[in-house]
Amino acid sequence: MELTHREIEVLKLIVKELNCKQIAEELHISIHTVQSHRKNLYKKTKSKTIIGLVNYAHTQKLI
């Protein structure tokens, strides 16, 4: 599955070590929306941890 533009934005902010509240403020969206994007990222990347998300971002050259 391909990531949406917004999911990529959220992933990049996760890699920068921002928490859900900080990401929501940065992107002007609700915390609930950030949590939904994170859930989708875990599913689409088949990751189980933040480290898995960071590894995915690195291998896909998103960071």
N, C-alpha and C. Protein backbone atom coordinates (compact mmCIF):
# COMPACT_ATOMS: atom_id res chain seq x y z
N MET A 1 0.83 -1.19 0.00
CA MET A 1 0.00 0.00 0.00
C MET A 1 0.88 1.25 0.00
N GLU A 2 0.46 2.23 -0.73
CA GLU A 2 1.19 3.49 -0.74
C GLU A 2 0.72 4.41 0.38
N LEU A 3 1.65 5.19 0.89
CA LEU A 3 1.31 6.15 1.92
C LEU A 3 0.75 7.41 1.29
N THR A 4 -0.20 8.03 1.97
CA THR A 4 -0.74 9.29 1.50
C THR A 4 0.26 10.40 1.81
N HIS A 5 0.04 11.54 1.19
CA HIS A 5 0.90 12.71 1.44
C HIS A 5 0.89 13.05 2.93
N ARG A 6 -0.27 13.04 3.54
CA ARG A 6 -0.39 13.40 4.97
C ARG A 6 0.30 12.36 5.85
N GLU A 7 0.17 11.08 5.50
CA GLU A 7 0.85 10.05 6.28
C GLU A 7 2.36 10.24 6.23
N ILE A 8 2.87 10.62 5.07
CA ILE A 8 4.31 10.87 4.94
C ILE A 8 4.71 12.06 5.81
N GLU A 9 3.89 13.10 5.82
CA GLU A 9 4.17 14.26 6.69
C GLU A 9 4.22 13.84 8.15
N VAL A 10 3.24 13.04 8.57
CA VAL A 10 3.20 12.56 9.95
C VAL A 10 4.42 11.71 10.25
N LEU A 11 4.77 10.83 9.33
CA LEU A 11 5.93 9.95 9.52
C LEU A 11 7.21 10.77 9.69
N LYS A 12 7.39 11.78 8.88
CA LYS A 12 8.58 12.63 8.99
C LYS A 12 8.64 13.32 10.35
N LEU A 13 7.50 13.71 10.87
CA LEU A 13 7.47 14.36 12.19
C LEU A 13 7.69 13.35 13.31
N ILE A 14 7.24 12.13 13.12
CA ILE A 14 7.52 11.06 14.09
C ILE A 14 9.02 10.82 14.15
N VAL A 15 9.65 10.78 12.99
CA VAL A 15 11.10 10.58 12.92
C VAL A 15 11.84 11.72 13.64
N LYS A 16 11.27 12.92 13.62
CA LYS A 16 11.87 14.06 14.31
C LYS A 16 11.57 14.05 15.80
N GLU A 17 10.93 12.97 16.28
CA GLU A 17 10.64 12.73 17.69
C GLU A 17 9.55 13.63 18.26
N LEU A 18 8.63 14.09 17.42
CA LEU A 18 7.49 14.85 17.91
C LEU A 18 6.43 13.89 18.42
N ASN A 19 5.72 14.27 19.48
CA ASN A 19 4.63 13.44 19.97
C ASN A 19 3.34 13.80 19.25
N CYS A 20 2.27 13.09 19.54
CA CYS A 20 0.99 13.31 18.84
C CYS A 20 0.50 14.74 18.96
N LYS A 21 0.60 15.30 20.15
CA LYS A 21 0.12 16.67 20.37
C LYS A 21 0.93 17.65 19.53
N GLN A 22 2.24 17.48 19.51
CA GLN A 22 3.11 18.38 18.74
C GLN A 22 2.85 18.25 17.24
N ILE A 23 2.64 17.02 16.78
CA ILE A 23 2.34 16.80 15.36
C ILE A 23 1.02 17.47 15.00
N ALA A 24 0.02 17.31 15.85
CA ALA A 24 -1.29 17.91 15.61
C ALA A 24 -1.17 19.43 15.50
N GLU A 25 -0.39 20.02 16.39
CA GLU A 25 -0.20 21.47 16.36
C GLU A 25 0.54 21.90 15.09
N GLU A 26 1.56 21.15 14.73
CA GLU A 26 2.37 21.47 13.55
C GLU A 26 1.54 21.42 12.26
N LEU A 27 0.68 20.41 12.17
CA LEU A 27 -0.10 20.21 10.95
C LEU A 27 -1.51 20.81 11.02
N HIS A 28 -1.84 21.40 12.16
CA HIS A 28 -3.16 22.02 12.35
C HIS A 28 -4.29 21.00 12.16
N ILE A 29 -4.12 19.85 12.80
CA ILE A 29 -5.13 18.79 12.79
C ILE A 29 -5.35 18.32 14.23
N SER A 30 -6.37 17.51 14.44
CA SER A 30 -6.65 17.04 15.79
C SER A 30 -5.71 15.89 16.17
N ILE A 31 -5.57 15.71 17.47
CA ILE A 31 -4.75 14.60 17.97
C ILE A 31 -5.34 13.28 17.50
N HIS A 32 -6.67 13.19 17.48
CA HIS A 32 -7.33 11.96 17.01
C HIS A 32 -6.94 11.65 15.58
N THR A 33 -6.85 12.65 14.73
CA THR A 33 -6.47 12.45 13.34
C THR A 33 -5.02 11.96 13.26
N VAL A 34 -4.15 12.53 14.08
CA VAL A 34 -2.75 12.07 14.12
C VAL A 34 -2.71 10.60 14.53
N GLN A 35 -3.46 10.24 15.54
CA GLN A 35 -3.49 8.84 15.99
C GLN A 35 -3.98 7.92 14.89
N SER A 36 -4.95 8.36 14.12
CA SER A 36 -5.44 7.56 12.99
C SER A 36 -4.36 7.38 11.93
N HIS A 37 -3.64 8.45 11.64
CA HIS A 37 -2.54 8.37 10.68
C HIS A 37 -1.46 7.41 11.18
N ARG A 38 -1.14 7.49 12.46
CA ARG A 38 -0.13 6.58 13.04
C ARG A 38 -0.58 5.13 12.92
N LYS A 39 -1.85 4.89 13.23
CA LYS A 39 -2.39 3.53 13.12
C LYS A 39 -2.27 3.03 11.69
N ASN A 40 -2.61 3.88 10.73
CA ASN A 40 -2.50 3.51 9.32
C ASN A 40 -1.05 3.27 8.91
N LEU A 41 -0.14 4.08 9.45
CA LEU A 41 1.28 3.90 9.14
C LEU A 41 1.78 2.54 9.62
N TYR A 42 1.41 2.18 10.85
CA TYR A 42 1.81 0.86 11.36
C TYR A 42 1.30 -0.25 10.45
N LYS A 43 0.05 -0.14 10.06
CA LYS A 43 -0.57 -1.17 9.22
C LYS A 43 0.08 -1.23 7.84
N LYS A 44 0.21 -0.08 7.20
CA LYS A 44 0.73 -0.05 5.82
C LYS A 44 2.20 -0.44 5.75
N THR A 45 2.98 -0.08 6.77
CA THR A 45 4.41 -0.39 6.75
C THR A 45 4.72 -1.73 7.41
N LYS A 46 3.69 -2.34 7.98
CA LYS A 46 3.84 -3.60 8.70
C LYS A 46 4.85 -3.49 9.85
N SER A 47 4.85 -2.32 10.48
CA SER A 47 5.73 -2.06 11.61
C SER A 47 4.97 -2.30 12.91
N LYS A 48 5.73 -2.62 13.94
CA LYS A 48 5.12 -2.84 15.25
C LYS A 48 5.58 -1.81 16.27
N THR A 49 6.64 -1.09 15.94
CA THR A 49 7.19 -0.11 16.87
C THR A 49 7.58 1.16 16.11
N ILE A 50 7.89 2.20 16.89
CA ILE A 50 8.39 3.44 16.30
C ILE A 50 9.68 3.17 15.54
N ILE A 51 10.51 2.30 16.07
CA ILE A 51 11.77 1.97 15.39
C ILE A 51 11.49 1.40 14.01
N GLY A 52 10.46 0.58 13.91
CA GLY A 52 10.07 0.04 12.61
C GLY A 52 9.65 1.14 11.64
N LEU A 53 8.93 2.13 12.14
CA LEU A 53 8.53 3.25 11.30
C LEU A 53 9.75 4.05 10.83
N VAL A 54 10.69 4.27 11.74
CA VAL A 54 11.90 5.01 11.38
C VAL A 54 12.70 4.22 10.34
N ASN A 55 12.83 2.92 10.53
CA ASN A 55 13.54 2.08 9.56
C ASN A 55 12.85 2.15 8.21
N TYR A 56 11.53 2.10 8.19
CA TYR A 56 10.79 2.18 6.93
C TYR A 56 11.07 3.52 6.25
N ALA A 57 10.99 4.61 7.01
CA ALA A 57 11.24 5.94 6.45
C ALA A 57 12.64 6.02 5.86
N HIS A 58 13.60 5.42 6.55
CA HIS A 58 14.99 5.44 6.08
C HIS A 58 15.14 4.61 4.80
N THR A 59 14.58 3.41 4.77
CA THR A 59 14.74 2.55 3.59
C THR A 59 14.01 3.10 2.38
N GLN A 60 12.94 3.87 2.61
CA GLN A 60 12.18 4.47 1.52
C GLN A 60 12.71 5.86 1.15
N LYS A 61 13.82 6.24 1.81
CA LYS A 61 14.46 7.54 1.57
C LYS A 61 13.52 8.72 1.80
N LEU A 62 12.70 8.59 2.84
CA LEU A 62 11.80 9.67 3.23
C LEU A 62 12.49 10.63 4.19
N ILE A 63 13.61 10.17 4.73
CA ILE A 63 14.39 11.02 5.65
C ILE A 63 15.83 11.07 5.19
